[in-house]
N, C-alpha and C. Protein backbone atom coordinates (compact mmCIF):
# COMPACT_ATOMS: atom_id res chain seq x y z
N UNK A 1 114.50 111.26 102.83
CA UNK A 1 113.35 110.41 103.17
C UNK A 1 112.09 110.83 102.44
N UNK A 2 112.01 112.07 102.08
CA UNK A 2 110.88 112.56 101.27
C UNK A 2 111.44 113.47 100.19
N UNK A 3 110.77 113.50 99.09
CA UNK A 3 111.05 114.51 98.10
C UNK A 3 109.90 115.50 98.15
N UNK A 4 110.19 116.76 98.44
CA UNK A 4 109.17 117.81 98.40
C UNK A 4 109.37 118.57 97.11
N UNK A 5 108.50 118.31 96.14
CA UNK A 5 108.61 118.98 94.86
C UNK A 5 108.07 120.41 94.96
N UNK A 6 108.60 121.31 94.18
CA UNK A 6 108.04 122.66 94.12
C UNK A 6 106.68 122.60 93.44
N UNK A 7 105.68 123.22 94.05
CA UNK A 7 104.34 123.18 93.50
C UNK A 7 104.25 124.11 92.30
N UNK A 8 103.63 123.63 91.24
CA UNK A 8 103.51 124.42 90.02
C UNK A 8 102.52 125.55 90.20
N UNK A 9 102.81 126.70 89.61
CA UNK A 9 101.87 127.82 89.68
C UNK A 9 100.72 127.65 88.70
N UNK A 10 100.90 126.77 87.73
CA UNK A 10 99.86 126.54 86.74
C UNK A 10 99.24 125.17 86.99
N UNK A 11 98.06 125.14 87.66
CA UNK A 11 97.40 123.88 87.97
C UNK A 11 96.17 123.72 87.09
N UNK A 12 96.21 124.25 85.88
CA UNK A 12 95.04 124.21 85.00
C UNK A 12 94.81 122.82 84.44
N UNK A 13 95.82 121.94 84.54
CA UNK A 13 95.64 120.58 84.05
C UNK A 13 96.54 119.65 84.83
N UNK A 14 96.19 118.38 84.84
CA UNK A 14 97.00 117.37 85.51
C UNK A 14 98.04 116.87 84.53
N UNK A 15 99.31 117.01 84.87
CA UNK A 15 100.35 116.45 84.02
C UNK A 15 100.24 114.93 84.05
N UNK A 16 100.39 114.31 82.93
CA UNK A 16 100.09 112.89 82.80
C UNK A 16 101.31 112.02 83.04
N UNK A 17 101.23 111.12 84.03
CA UNK A 17 102.28 110.12 84.15
C UNK A 17 102.12 109.08 83.04
N UNK A 18 103.12 108.24 82.87
CA UNK A 18 103.03 107.23 81.82
C UNK A 18 102.02 106.14 82.15
N UNK A 19 101.72 105.97 83.43
CA UNK A 19 100.73 104.97 83.85
C UNK A 19 99.93 105.59 84.99
N UNK A 20 98.61 105.40 84.98
CA UNK A 20 97.76 106.01 86.00
C UNK A 20 96.76 104.97 86.50
N UNK A 21 96.69 104.81 87.81
CA UNK A 21 95.78 103.83 88.40
C UNK A 21 94.45 104.46 88.76
N UNK A 22 93.36 103.79 88.38
CA UNK A 22 92.03 104.24 88.75
C UNK A 22 91.79 104.14 90.24
N UNK A 23 92.70 103.44 90.98
CA UNK A 23 92.60 103.36 92.43
C UNK A 23 93.24 104.58 93.11
N UNK A 24 93.83 105.47 92.33
CA UNK A 24 94.28 106.75 92.87
C UNK A 24 93.08 107.47 93.45
N UNK A 25 93.32 108.37 94.40
CA UNK A 25 92.21 108.98 95.12
C UNK A 25 92.29 110.50 95.09
N UNK A 26 91.10 111.11 94.99
CA UNK A 26 90.97 112.56 94.97
C UNK A 26 90.36 113.00 96.29
N UNK A 27 90.98 113.99 96.92
CA UNK A 27 90.49 114.48 98.20
C UNK A 27 89.22 115.28 98.08
N UNK A 28 88.58 115.58 99.21
CA UNK A 28 87.36 116.38 99.20
C UNK A 28 87.56 117.70 98.46
N UNK A 29 86.61 118.07 97.64
CA UNK A 29 86.67 119.30 96.85
C UNK A 29 87.85 119.33 95.90
N UNK A 30 88.39 118.15 95.58
CA UNK A 30 89.50 118.08 94.64
C UNK A 30 90.77 118.71 95.15
N UNK A 31 90.91 118.78 96.47
CA UNK A 31 92.05 119.48 97.05
C UNK A 31 93.38 118.78 96.84
N UNK A 32 93.37 117.46 96.74
CA UNK A 32 94.62 116.73 96.55
C UNK A 32 94.37 115.47 95.74
N UNK A 33 95.43 114.97 95.15
CA UNK A 33 95.39 113.72 94.40
C UNK A 33 96.52 112.82 94.88
N UNK A 34 96.17 111.62 95.26
CA UNK A 34 97.18 110.60 95.60
C UNK A 34 97.38 109.70 94.39
N UNK A 35 98.61 109.67 93.88
CA UNK A 35 98.96 108.74 92.81
C UNK A 35 99.20 107.36 93.43
N UNK A 36 98.28 106.45 93.21
CA UNK A 36 98.40 105.10 93.78
C UNK A 36 99.44 104.28 93.01
N UNK A 37 100.37 103.67 93.75
CA UNK A 37 101.32 102.71 93.18
C UNK A 37 101.10 101.39 93.91
N UNK A 38 100.58 100.36 93.24
CA UNK A 38 100.31 99.09 93.91
C UNK A 38 101.56 98.52 94.58
N UNK A 39 101.36 97.86 95.70
CA UNK A 39 102.40 97.22 96.50
C UNK A 39 103.23 98.23 97.29
N UNK A 40 102.77 99.47 97.38
CA UNK A 40 103.48 100.50 98.14
C UNK A 40 102.60 101.01 99.27
N UNK A 41 102.22 100.11 100.19
CA UNK A 41 101.33 100.46 101.31
C UNK A 41 100.02 101.05 100.80
N UNK A 42 99.59 100.63 99.61
CA UNK A 42 98.42 101.26 98.99
C UNK A 42 97.14 101.02 99.77
N UNK A 43 96.99 99.84 100.38
CA UNK A 43 95.77 99.60 101.15
C UNK A 43 95.73 100.46 102.41
N UNK A 44 96.89 100.63 103.05
CA UNK A 44 96.94 101.48 104.24
C UNK A 44 96.63 102.93 103.87
N UNK A 45 97.19 103.42 102.79
CA UNK A 45 96.96 104.79 102.37
C UNK A 45 95.51 104.98 101.95
N UNK A 46 94.96 104.01 101.21
CA UNK A 46 93.58 104.10 100.78
C UNK A 46 92.63 104.18 101.96
N UNK A 47 92.87 103.35 102.99
CA UNK A 47 92.02 103.37 104.18
C UNK A 47 92.12 104.71 104.90
N UNK A 48 93.34 105.23 105.00
CA UNK A 48 93.56 106.52 105.67
C UNK A 48 92.83 107.63 104.94
N UNK A 49 92.94 107.65 103.61
CA UNK A 49 92.31 108.72 102.83
C UNK A 49 90.80 108.57 102.79
N UNK A 50 90.30 107.33 102.78
CA UNK A 50 88.85 107.11 102.79
C UNK A 50 88.23 107.71 104.04
N UNK A 51 88.90 107.53 105.18
CA UNK A 51 88.38 108.10 106.43
C UNK A 51 88.43 109.62 106.41
N UNK A 52 89.30 110.17 105.56
CA UNK A 52 89.40 111.63 105.45
C UNK A 52 88.45 112.18 104.39
N UNK A 53 87.64 111.31 103.76
CA UNK A 53 86.66 111.77 102.79
C UNK A 53 87.09 111.73 101.35
N UNK A 54 88.26 111.13 101.06
CA UNK A 54 88.71 111.02 99.67
C UNK A 54 87.98 109.89 98.96
N UNK A 55 87.98 109.92 97.64
CA UNK A 55 87.28 108.91 96.84
C UNK A 55 88.19 108.42 95.71
N UNK A 56 88.00 107.17 95.32
CA UNK A 56 88.78 106.62 94.23
C UNK A 56 88.35 107.24 92.90
N UNK A 57 89.32 107.45 92.03
CA UNK A 57 89.05 108.02 90.72
C UNK A 57 88.06 107.14 89.95
N UNK A 58 88.21 105.82 90.04
CA UNK A 58 87.33 104.91 89.29
C UNK A 58 85.89 105.01 89.75
N UNK A 59 85.68 105.46 90.99
CA UNK A 59 84.31 105.63 91.49
C UNK A 59 83.75 107.01 91.14
N UNK A 60 84.61 108.02 91.20
CA UNK A 60 84.17 109.38 90.90
C UNK A 60 83.94 109.62 89.42
N UNK A 61 84.85 109.09 88.60
CA UNK A 61 84.82 109.35 87.17
C UNK A 61 84.98 108.05 86.40
N UNK A 62 83.96 107.20 86.40
CA UNK A 62 84.09 105.89 85.73
C UNK A 62 84.53 106.01 84.28
N UNK A 63 84.06 107.03 83.59
CA UNK A 63 84.42 107.19 82.19
C UNK A 63 85.84 107.68 81.98
N UNK A 64 86.45 108.18 83.08
CA UNK A 64 87.80 108.71 82.97
C UNK A 64 88.81 107.88 83.73
N UNK A 65 88.39 106.73 84.27
CA UNK A 65 89.30 105.91 85.06
C UNK A 65 90.51 105.52 84.23
N UNK A 66 91.63 105.44 84.90
CA UNK A 66 92.87 105.04 84.21
C UNK A 66 93.56 106.23 83.59
N UNK A 67 94.26 106.00 82.49
CA UNK A 67 95.10 107.03 81.88
C UNK A 67 94.31 108.26 81.46
N UNK A 68 93.02 108.10 81.12
CA UNK A 68 92.26 109.23 80.60
C UNK A 68 92.03 110.31 81.66
N UNK A 69 91.93 109.91 82.94
CA UNK A 69 91.71 110.93 83.97
C UNK A 69 92.87 111.90 84.04
N UNK A 70 94.09 111.37 83.95
CA UNK A 70 95.26 112.23 84.04
C UNK A 70 95.28 113.28 82.93
N UNK A 71 94.62 112.96 81.82
CA UNK A 71 94.60 113.89 80.70
C UNK A 71 93.42 114.85 80.75
N UNK A 72 92.28 114.40 81.32
CA UNK A 72 91.07 115.20 81.23
C UNK A 72 90.40 115.49 82.57
N UNK A 73 90.91 114.90 83.65
CA UNK A 73 90.27 115.08 84.95
C UNK A 73 90.54 116.44 85.56
N UNK A 74 89.84 116.77 86.67
CA UNK A 74 90.05 118.05 87.34
C UNK A 74 91.45 118.14 87.93
N UNK A 75 91.99 119.34 88.01
CA UNK A 75 93.35 119.54 88.50
C UNK A 75 93.33 119.77 90.01
N UNK A 76 93.98 118.91 90.79
CA UNK A 76 94.06 119.13 92.23
C UNK A 76 95.09 120.20 92.56
N UNK A 77 95.00 120.72 93.78
CA UNK A 77 95.95 121.74 94.20
C UNK A 77 97.26 121.14 94.69
N UNK A 78 97.22 119.84 95.05
CA UNK A 78 98.40 119.20 95.64
C UNK A 78 98.38 117.73 95.26
N UNK A 79 99.54 117.17 94.94
CA UNK A 79 99.62 115.77 94.56
C UNK A 79 100.72 115.08 95.35
N UNK A 80 100.53 113.79 95.63
CA UNK A 80 101.55 113.06 96.38
C UNK A 80 101.52 111.58 96.03
N UNK A 81 102.59 110.89 96.39
CA UNK A 81 102.72 109.46 96.17
C UNK A 81 103.71 108.90 97.18
N UNK A 82 103.69 107.56 97.32
CA UNK A 82 104.68 106.87 98.15
C UNK A 82 105.41 105.85 97.29
N UNK A 83 106.72 105.84 97.41
CA UNK A 83 107.56 104.92 96.64
C UNK A 83 108.22 103.92 97.58
N UNK A 84 108.87 102.92 96.98
CA UNK A 84 109.43 101.82 97.77
C UNK A 84 110.70 101.30 97.11
N UNK A 85 111.60 100.78 97.91
CA UNK A 85 112.80 100.17 97.35
C UNK A 85 112.38 99.12 96.32
N UNK A 86 112.90 99.20 95.08
CA UNK A 86 112.47 98.26 94.04
C UNK A 86 112.69 96.80 94.40
N UNK A 87 113.74 96.50 95.16
CA UNK A 87 113.97 95.11 95.58
C UNK A 87 112.84 94.64 96.49
N UNK A 88 112.52 95.45 97.50
CA UNK A 88 111.48 95.06 98.45
C UNK A 88 110.13 94.97 97.77
N UNK A 89 109.87 95.84 96.83
CA UNK A 89 108.57 95.82 96.14
C UNK A 89 108.40 94.54 95.34
N UNK A 90 109.41 94.15 94.57
CA UNK A 90 109.26 92.95 93.74
C UNK A 90 109.26 91.69 94.60
N UNK A 91 109.96 91.72 95.75
CA UNK A 91 109.87 90.61 96.69
C UNK A 91 108.45 90.50 97.24
N UNK A 92 107.82 91.64 97.51
CA UNK A 92 106.45 91.65 98.02
C UNK A 92 105.49 91.09 96.98
N UNK A 93 105.69 91.46 95.70
CA UNK A 93 104.85 90.91 94.63
C UNK A 93 104.96 89.39 94.61
N UNK A 94 106.19 88.89 94.67
CA UNK A 94 106.40 87.44 94.63
C UNK A 94 105.76 86.75 95.84
N UNK A 95 105.97 87.30 97.04
CA UNK A 95 105.40 86.67 98.24
C UNK A 95 103.88 86.61 98.17
N UNK A 96 103.28 87.69 97.71
CA UNK A 96 101.83 87.82 97.75
C UNK A 96 101.12 87.15 96.57
N UNK A 97 101.73 87.20 95.40
CA UNK A 97 101.05 86.76 94.18
C UNK A 97 101.58 85.45 93.59
N UNK A 98 102.83 85.12 93.85
CA UNK A 98 103.46 84.01 93.15
C UNK A 98 103.85 82.85 94.08
N UNK A 99 104.44 83.16 95.22
CA UNK A 99 105.01 82.12 96.09
C UNK A 99 103.99 81.13 96.64
N UNK A 100 102.77 81.55 97.02
CA UNK A 100 101.81 80.58 97.56
C UNK A 100 101.59 79.42 96.60
N UNK A 101 101.69 78.21 97.12
CA UNK A 101 101.59 77.03 96.25
C UNK A 101 100.17 76.74 95.80
N UNK A 102 99.19 77.27 96.53
CA UNK A 102 97.79 77.08 96.16
C UNK A 102 97.23 78.40 95.61
N UNK A 103 96.86 78.46 94.35
CA UNK A 103 96.32 79.70 93.80
C UNK A 103 94.95 80.02 94.39
N UNK A 104 94.62 81.30 94.44
CA UNK A 104 93.29 81.72 94.89
C UNK A 104 92.59 82.40 93.72
N UNK A 105 91.41 82.96 93.98
CA UNK A 105 90.62 83.56 92.90
C UNK A 105 91.38 84.68 92.20
N UNK A 106 92.08 85.50 92.99
CA UNK A 106 92.81 86.63 92.40
C UNK A 106 94.02 86.17 91.60
N UNK A 107 94.78 85.21 92.14
CA UNK A 107 95.99 84.78 91.43
C UNK A 107 95.65 83.93 90.22
N UNK A 108 94.56 83.20 90.25
CA UNK A 108 94.14 82.42 89.07
C UNK A 108 93.95 83.35 87.88
N UNK A 109 93.28 84.47 88.10
CA UNK A 109 93.07 85.45 87.03
C UNK A 109 94.40 86.02 86.55
N UNK A 110 95.32 86.24 87.48
CA UNK A 110 96.64 86.76 87.12
C UNK A 110 97.39 85.78 86.24
N UNK A 111 97.36 84.50 86.59
CA UNK A 111 98.06 83.49 85.81
C UNK A 111 97.44 83.33 84.42
N UNK A 112 96.13 83.50 84.34
CA UNK A 112 95.47 83.40 83.04
C UNK A 112 95.89 84.53 82.12
N UNK A 113 96.00 85.73 82.67
CA UNK A 113 96.37 86.90 81.87
C UNK A 113 97.85 86.92 81.49
N UNK A 114 98.66 86.20 82.26
CA UNK A 114 100.11 86.25 82.05
C UNK A 114 100.66 84.83 81.94
N UNK A 115 100.59 84.25 80.74
CA UNK A 115 101.06 82.88 80.53
C UNK A 115 102.50 82.69 80.97
N UNK A 116 102.74 81.58 81.61
CA UNK A 116 104.07 81.27 82.11
C UNK A 116 104.20 81.43 83.61
N UNK A 117 103.35 82.28 84.19
CA UNK A 117 103.31 82.40 85.64
C UNK A 117 102.59 81.19 86.22
N UNK A 118 103.03 80.75 87.37
CA UNK A 118 102.36 79.63 88.03
C UNK A 118 102.56 79.74 89.53
N UNK A 119 101.64 79.16 90.25
CA UNK A 119 101.71 79.17 91.71
C UNK A 119 102.94 78.42 92.19
N UNK A 120 103.60 78.97 93.20
CA UNK A 120 104.72 78.28 93.82
C UNK A 120 106.05 78.46 93.12
N UNK A 121 106.14 79.31 92.10
CA UNK A 121 107.42 79.56 91.44
C UNK A 121 108.43 80.09 92.45
N UNK A 122 109.69 79.71 92.29
CA UNK A 122 110.74 80.30 93.11
C UNK A 122 110.93 81.75 92.71
N UNK A 123 111.57 82.51 93.58
CA UNK A 123 111.80 83.92 93.26
C UNK A 123 112.65 84.06 92.01
N UNK A 124 113.71 83.28 91.90
CA UNK A 124 114.57 83.37 90.73
C UNK A 124 113.83 83.01 89.44
N UNK A 125 112.95 82.00 89.51
CA UNK A 125 112.16 81.62 88.34
C UNK A 125 111.20 82.74 87.95
N UNK A 126 110.62 83.39 88.94
CA UNK A 126 109.72 84.51 88.66
C UNK A 126 110.47 85.66 88.00
N UNK A 127 111.65 85.99 88.50
CA UNK A 127 112.44 87.08 87.92
C UNK A 127 112.90 86.72 86.52
N UNK A 128 113.24 85.46 86.28
CA UNK A 128 113.61 85.04 84.93
C UNK A 128 112.43 85.23 83.97
N UNK A 129 111.23 84.83 84.43
CA UNK A 129 110.03 85.03 83.62
C UNK A 129 109.81 86.52 83.36
N UNK A 130 110.00 87.33 84.41
CA UNK A 130 109.79 88.77 84.29
C UNK A 130 110.77 89.39 83.29
N UNK A 131 112.02 88.94 83.35
CA UNK A 131 113.03 89.47 82.44
C UNK A 131 112.72 89.17 80.99
N UNK A 132 112.05 88.06 80.74
CA UNK A 132 111.67 87.70 79.37
C UNK A 132 110.38 88.40 78.95
N UNK A 133 109.45 88.56 79.89
CA UNK A 133 108.11 89.06 79.56
C UNK A 133 108.02 90.58 79.55
N UNK A 134 108.70 91.24 80.47
CA UNK A 134 108.55 92.69 80.62
C UNK A 134 108.90 93.46 79.35
N UNK A 135 110.04 93.14 78.70
CA UNK A 135 110.37 93.88 77.47
C UNK A 135 109.34 93.71 76.36
N UNK A 136 108.54 92.65 76.43
CA UNK A 136 107.52 92.41 75.41
C UNK A 136 106.18 93.01 75.80
N UNK A 137 106.16 93.80 76.86
CA UNK A 137 104.95 94.48 77.26
C UNK A 137 104.00 93.65 78.11
N UNK A 138 104.47 92.51 78.61
CA UNK A 138 103.64 91.66 79.47
C UNK A 138 103.72 92.19 80.89
N UNK A 139 103.02 93.30 81.14
CA UNK A 139 103.19 94.06 82.37
C UNK A 139 101.87 94.13 83.14
N UNK A 140 101.94 93.91 84.43
CA UNK A 140 100.80 94.03 85.34
C UNK A 140 101.07 95.21 86.27
N UNK A 141 100.02 95.81 86.77
CA UNK A 141 100.19 96.99 87.63
C UNK A 141 101.04 96.70 88.87
N UNK A 142 101.05 95.44 89.32
CA UNK A 142 101.78 95.12 90.53
C UNK A 142 103.29 95.12 90.32
N UNK A 143 103.74 94.83 89.10
CA UNK A 143 105.18 94.86 88.87
C UNK A 143 105.59 95.90 87.83
N UNK A 144 104.66 96.76 87.41
CA UNK A 144 105.03 97.88 86.54
C UNK A 144 105.98 98.80 87.29
N UNK A 145 106.88 99.44 86.56
CA UNK A 145 107.85 100.35 87.18
C UNK A 145 107.14 101.46 87.94
N UNK A 146 107.62 101.75 89.14
CA UNK A 146 107.04 102.82 89.94
C UNK A 146 107.15 104.17 89.23
N UNK A 147 108.26 104.37 88.55
CA UNK A 147 108.48 105.66 87.87
C UNK A 147 107.40 105.92 86.82
N UNK A 148 106.79 104.85 86.28
CA UNK A 148 105.72 105.05 85.31
C UNK A 148 104.50 105.71 85.94
N UNK A 149 104.29 105.50 87.24
CA UNK A 149 103.12 106.04 87.93
C UNK A 149 103.33 107.49 88.39
N UNK A 150 104.59 107.93 88.47
CA UNK A 150 104.85 109.24 89.06
C UNK A 150 105.71 110.15 88.18
N UNK A 151 105.96 109.75 86.94
CA UNK A 151 106.75 110.61 86.06
C UNK A 151 106.18 110.59 84.66
N UNK A 152 106.58 111.60 83.89
CA UNK A 152 106.18 111.67 82.50
C UNK A 152 107.30 111.16 81.59
N UNK A 153 108.27 110.48 82.19
CA UNK A 153 109.41 109.95 81.46
C UNK A 153 110.67 110.75 81.67
N UNK A 154 110.51 111.96 82.20
CA UNK A 154 111.67 112.82 82.42
C UNK A 154 111.73 113.37 83.84
N UNK A 155 110.58 113.79 84.37
CA UNK A 155 110.55 114.43 85.68
C UNK A 155 109.50 113.79 86.57
N UNK A 156 109.74 113.87 87.88
CA UNK A 156 108.74 113.41 88.85
C UNK A 156 107.61 114.43 88.92
N UNK A 157 106.37 113.95 89.00
CA UNK A 157 105.21 114.83 88.95
C UNK A 157 104.63 115.21 90.33
N UNK A 158 104.60 114.31 91.32
CA UNK A 158 103.95 114.68 92.59
C UNK A 158 104.67 115.83 93.30
N UNK A 159 103.89 116.62 94.03
CA UNK A 159 104.46 117.68 94.84
C UNK A 159 105.22 117.12 96.04
N UNK A 160 104.78 115.97 96.51
CA UNK A 160 105.40 115.33 97.69
C UNK A 160 105.53 113.84 97.42
N UNK A 161 106.70 113.29 97.70
CA UNK A 161 106.91 111.84 97.56
C UNK A 161 107.48 111.32 98.88
N UNK A 162 106.73 110.42 99.51
CA UNK A 162 107.21 109.76 100.72
C UNK A 162 107.73 108.38 100.39
N UNK A 163 108.36 107.76 101.37
CA UNK A 163 108.92 106.43 101.20
C UNK A 163 108.25 105.44 102.15
N UNK A 164 107.96 104.25 101.64
CA UNK A 164 107.38 103.20 102.47
C UNK A 164 108.32 102.84 103.62
N UNK A 165 109.62 102.96 103.38
CA UNK A 165 110.60 102.61 104.42
C UNK A 165 110.49 103.52 105.64
N UNK A 166 109.91 104.69 105.47
CA UNK A 166 109.73 105.63 106.58
C UNK A 166 108.26 106.06 106.61
N UNK A 167 107.38 105.09 106.51
CA UNK A 167 105.97 105.37 106.26
C UNK A 167 105.35 106.27 107.31
N UNK A 168 105.44 105.89 108.58
CA UNK A 168 104.78 106.66 109.62
C UNK A 168 105.33 108.09 109.69
N UNK A 169 106.65 108.21 109.61
CA UNK A 169 107.27 109.53 109.66
C UNK A 169 106.83 110.39 108.48
N UNK A 170 106.82 109.79 107.30
CA UNK A 170 106.47 110.57 106.11
C UNK A 170 104.98 110.90 106.06
N UNK A 171 104.14 110.04 106.61
CA UNK A 171 102.72 110.37 106.70
C UNK A 171 102.52 111.57 107.63
N UNK A 172 103.30 111.63 108.70
CA UNK A 172 103.19 112.79 109.58
C UNK A 172 103.61 114.07 108.84
N UNK A 173 104.66 113.98 108.04
CA UNK A 173 105.07 115.14 107.24
C UNK A 173 103.98 115.52 106.24
N UNK A 174 103.37 114.49 105.65
CA UNK A 174 102.28 114.74 104.71
C UNK A 174 101.12 115.43 105.41
N UNK A 175 100.86 115.02 106.65
CA UNK A 175 99.76 115.60 107.41
C UNK A 175 99.90 117.08 107.66
N UNK A 176 101.14 117.56 107.62
CA UNK A 176 101.36 119.00 107.78
C UNK A 176 101.01 119.76 106.51
N UNK A 177 100.89 119.03 105.40
CA UNK A 177 100.58 119.64 104.11
C UNK A 177 99.14 119.39 103.66
N UNK A 178 98.57 118.25 104.13
CA UNK A 178 97.20 117.88 103.77
C UNK A 178 96.41 117.75 105.06
N UNK A 179 95.43 118.59 105.25
CA UNK A 179 94.68 118.60 106.50
C UNK A 179 93.72 117.41 106.61
N UNK A 180 93.44 117.03 107.85
CA UNK A 180 92.37 116.08 108.16
C UNK A 180 92.61 114.69 107.58
N UNK A 181 93.85 114.23 107.56
CA UNK A 181 94.10 112.86 107.15
C UNK A 181 93.56 111.91 108.22
N UNK A 182 93.13 110.72 107.79
CA UNK A 182 92.65 109.72 108.74
C UNK A 182 93.81 109.10 109.50
N UNK A 183 93.52 108.22 110.46
CA UNK A 183 94.57 107.56 111.23
C UNK A 183 95.34 106.55 110.39
N UNK A 184 96.59 106.30 110.76
CA UNK A 184 97.43 105.34 110.06
C UNK A 184 97.15 103.94 110.60
N UNK A 185 96.74 103.04 109.72
CA UNK A 185 96.57 101.64 110.11
C UNK A 185 97.20 100.79 109.03
N UNK A 186 98.35 100.18 109.31
CA UNK A 186 99.03 99.39 108.29
C UNK A 186 98.20 98.15 107.96
N UNK A 187 97.97 97.91 106.67
CA UNK A 187 97.18 96.78 106.21
C UNK A 187 97.99 95.96 105.22
N UNK A 188 97.70 94.66 105.18
CA UNK A 188 98.29 93.78 104.16
C UNK A 188 99.81 93.82 104.18
N UNK A 189 100.40 93.86 105.39
CA UNK A 189 101.86 93.86 105.51
C UNK A 189 102.36 92.45 105.24
N UNK A 190 103.26 92.32 104.26
CA UNK A 190 103.73 91.00 103.84
C UNK A 190 104.56 90.33 104.92
N UNK A 191 104.25 89.09 105.18
CA UNK A 191 105.07 88.31 106.09
C UNK A 191 106.35 87.88 105.38
N UNK A 192 107.42 87.70 106.15
CA UNK A 192 108.70 87.32 105.57
C UNK A 192 109.16 85.98 106.13
N UNK A 193 108.21 85.05 106.23
CA UNK A 193 108.51 83.75 106.81
C UNK A 193 109.52 82.97 105.98
N UNK A 194 109.64 83.30 104.68
CA UNK A 194 110.57 82.59 103.82
C UNK A 194 112.01 82.96 104.12
N UNK A 195 112.23 84.06 104.86
CA UNK A 195 113.57 84.47 105.22
C UNK A 195 114.33 85.15 104.11
N UNK A 196 113.72 85.32 102.94
CA UNK A 196 114.39 85.94 101.81
C UNK A 196 114.40 87.46 101.98
N UNK A 197 115.56 88.05 101.78
CA UNK A 197 115.68 89.50 101.84
C UNK A 197 116.43 89.97 100.60
N UNK A 198 116.42 91.28 100.38
CA UNK A 198 117.06 91.82 99.19
C UNK A 198 118.53 91.46 99.11
N UNK A 199 119.19 91.36 100.28
CA UNK A 199 120.62 91.06 100.29
C UNK A 199 120.91 89.62 99.87
N UNK A 200 119.88 88.77 99.75
CA UNK A 200 120.06 87.36 99.41
C UNK A 200 119.68 87.06 97.96
N UNK A 201 119.32 88.08 97.18
CA UNK A 201 118.93 87.87 95.79
C UNK A 201 120.15 87.44 94.98
N UNK A 202 119.98 86.47 94.11
CA UNK A 202 121.09 85.95 93.32
C UNK A 202 121.62 87.01 92.34
N UNK A 203 122.91 86.94 91.98
CA UNK A 203 123.47 87.93 91.04
C UNK A 203 122.70 88.00 89.72
N UNK A 204 122.26 86.87 89.20
CA UNK A 204 121.53 86.87 87.93
C UNK A 204 120.21 87.62 88.07
N UNK A 205 119.50 87.37 89.17
CA UNK A 205 118.23 88.07 89.39
C UNK A 205 118.47 89.56 89.63
N UNK A 206 119.56 89.89 90.33
CA UNK A 206 119.88 91.30 90.54
C UNK A 206 120.07 92.02 89.22
N UNK A 207 120.80 91.40 88.29
CA UNK A 207 121.03 92.01 86.99
C UNK A 207 119.71 92.26 86.25
N UNK A 208 118.79 91.29 86.34
CA UNK A 208 117.49 91.43 85.67
C UNK A 208 116.68 92.56 86.29
N UNK A 209 116.67 92.63 87.62
CA UNK A 209 115.93 93.68 88.32
C UNK A 209 116.51 95.05 87.97
N UNK A 210 117.83 95.14 87.92
CA UNK A 210 118.47 96.41 87.56
C UNK A 210 118.02 96.85 86.17
N UNK A 211 118.00 95.91 85.24
CA UNK A 211 117.66 96.24 83.85
C UNK A 211 116.21 96.71 83.73
N UNK A 212 115.30 96.03 84.40
CA UNK A 212 113.88 96.36 84.30
C UNK A 212 113.56 97.68 85.00
N UNK A 213 114.13 97.86 86.19
CA UNK A 213 113.75 99.00 87.03
C UNK A 213 114.85 100.05 87.14
N UNK A 214 115.66 100.17 86.10
CA UNK A 214 116.76 101.12 86.13
C UNK A 214 116.28 102.54 86.44
N UNK A 215 115.18 102.96 85.79
CA UNK A 215 114.70 104.33 86.02
C UNK A 215 114.16 104.51 87.43
N UNK A 216 113.61 103.45 88.02
CA UNK A 216 113.16 103.55 89.41
C UNK A 216 114.33 103.86 90.33
N UNK A 217 115.43 103.12 90.14
CA UNK A 217 116.61 103.37 90.97
C UNK A 217 117.11 104.80 90.77
N UNK A 218 117.16 105.25 89.54
CA UNK A 218 117.74 106.55 89.23
C UNK A 218 116.84 107.70 89.65
N UNK A 219 115.55 107.65 89.26
CA UNK A 219 114.65 108.77 89.54
C UNK A 219 114.25 108.84 91.02
N UNK A 220 114.10 107.68 91.66
CA UNK A 220 113.59 107.65 93.03
C UNK A 220 114.70 107.64 94.07
N UNK A 221 115.96 107.54 93.62
CA UNK A 221 117.08 107.70 94.54
C UNK A 221 117.40 106.49 95.38
N UNK A 222 117.15 105.29 94.88
CA UNK A 222 117.50 104.08 95.63
C UNK A 222 118.84 103.51 95.13
N UNK A 223 119.59 102.96 96.07
CA UNK A 223 120.87 102.35 95.74
C UNK A 223 120.65 101.02 95.00
N UNK A 224 121.48 100.75 94.01
CA UNK A 224 121.37 99.48 93.30
C UNK A 224 121.94 98.32 94.09
N UNK A 225 122.75 98.59 95.09
CA UNK A 225 123.29 97.53 95.94
C UNK A 225 122.29 97.22 97.03
N UNK A 226 121.73 96.01 97.09
CA UNK A 226 120.74 95.69 98.11
C UNK A 226 121.36 95.64 99.50
N UNK A 227 120.56 95.96 100.50
CA UNK A 227 121.03 95.92 101.89
C UNK A 227 120.16 94.98 102.69
């Protein structure tokens, strides 16, 4: 349910993941760093850490926001992240960003940046678009591979990795390692009114998801057979 990585004795620099979000947060006095992965209970975690006095990297170090912070920012004593079943994560992206038939201010900008996306696309149509666009680098933080946020291409970087599937339990385990965490309040939990679950994904879409997120399944320990 959690991966507890061995903490490195050399914390003189932050090892760089392949992708780094400026919405990641640094704890008070630089004591810890949360690697933010969008669509992985990130709003709930952000609210919890904000109440504990943590700050977003983009606010603390505007000039170092994004990939540059991981290379030049201060080294925390402890790092952590939360991961999610790749099927559930991409379903959440579709429900929140693609499925609504009426675009809003946020999704309009998304559609403009990523030609071919449109409001109200079916899940299979979205995955077909993703399978064509992802290999060409048409990648958004919401559907970028989770492994890009927490690995350097070979090894997982955080000292602690929890799972969204066991969020409350894993936050309690995290609390034993990081003092003074704020209360847990789940935010932006996706509704499943469409009735679609990972076990109902079509074989063609499954193959595409496997191909795109192969390293997520392998590095993060998720089964390729949906349940």
